[in-house]
């Protein structure tokens, strides 16, 4: 749970901005979207393998340049 203290005389926009920043850093929205539907372990594993191969290809292309 994200807690944002509001200081005396502070408008609501500053704490709201801090909340949004903290929420993005904790990857809360990404986690909510991932948990929206059930995904099998095999699908998660396949996605990880595809992502790893993409990153590997990307890094080798950067090394060649």
Protein backbone atom coordinates (compact mmCIF):
# COMPACT_ATOMS: atom_id res chain seq x y z
CA UNK A 1 0.00 0.00 0.00
CA UNK A 2 1.39 3.36 -1.01
CA UNK A 3 1.17 6.08 1.63
CA UNK A 4 1.68 9.72 0.68
CA UNK A 5 1.72 12.25 3.54
CA UNK A 6 0.09 15.61 2.80
CA UNK A 7 1.93 18.58 4.29
CA UNK A 8 0.14 21.58 5.81
CA UNK A 9 -1.00 24.14 3.26
CA UNK A 10 -0.15 21.86 0.33
CA UNK A 11 -2.55 21.60 -2.59
CA UNK A 12 -3.81 18.16 -3.62
CA UNK A 13 -1.89 18.20 -6.92
CA UNK A 14 1.61 17.79 -5.40
CA UNK A 15 0.77 14.66 -3.34
CA UNK A 16 -1.15 13.26 -6.30
CA UNK A 17 1.93 13.72 -8.47
CA UNK A 18 4.08 11.96 -5.82
CA UNK A 19 1.55 9.12 -5.67
CA UNK A 20 1.62 8.66 -9.44
CA UNK A 21 5.43 8.60 -9.43
CA UNK A 22 5.57 6.02 -6.61
CA UNK A 23 2.89 3.92 -8.30
CA UNK A 24 4.90 3.81 -11.53
CA UNK A 25 8.10 2.89 -9.68
CA UNK A 26 6.42 -0.03 -7.93
CA UNK A 27 5.03 -1.22 -11.30
CA UNK A 28 1.56 -1.50 -9.81
CA UNK A 29 -0.32 -0.99 -13.04
CA UNK A 30 1.81 -3.54 -14.89
CA UNK A 31 1.13 -6.06 -12.14
CA UNK A 32 -2.62 -5.37 -12.23
CA UNK A 33 -2.73 -5.91 -15.98
CA UNK A 34 -0.70 -9.11 -15.70
CA UNK A 35 -3.04 -10.53 -13.06
CA UNK A 36 -6.18 -9.60 -14.93
CA UNK A 37 -6.26 -12.99 -16.65
CA UNK A 38 -4.71 -16.28 -15.67
CA UNK A 39 -1.67 -17.28 -17.69
CA UNK A 40 -0.26 -20.78 -17.65
CA UNK A 41 3.31 -21.41 -16.54
CA UNK A 42 4.21 -22.62 -20.02
CA UNK A 43 2.99 -19.34 -21.52
CA UNK A 44 5.00 -17.33 -19.00
CA UNK A 45 8.09 -19.41 -19.71
CA UNK A 46 7.63 -19.05 -23.47
CA UNK A 47 7.27 -15.28 -23.10
CA UNK A 48 10.46 -15.14 -21.02
CA UNK A 49 12.38 -17.16 -23.63
CA UNK A 50 11.16 -14.92 -26.44
CA UNK A 51 12.07 -11.80 -24.49
CA UNK A 52 15.53 -13.18 -23.68
CA UNK A 53 16.21 -14.06 -27.32
CA UNK A 54 15.07 -10.59 -28.39
CA UNK A 55 17.37 -8.94 -25.85
CA UNK A 56 20.26 -11.20 -26.91
CA UNK A 57 19.75 -10.30 -30.59
CA UNK A 58 19.53 -6.62 -29.70
CA UNK A 59 22.75 -6.69 -27.67
CA UNK A 60 24.69 -8.53 -30.40
CA UNK A 61 23.56 -5.96 -32.97
CA UNK A 62 24.74 -3.15 -30.68
CA UNK A 63 28.11 -4.88 -30.22
CA UNK A 64 28.59 -5.19 -33.98
CA UNK A 65 27.88 -1.51 -34.61
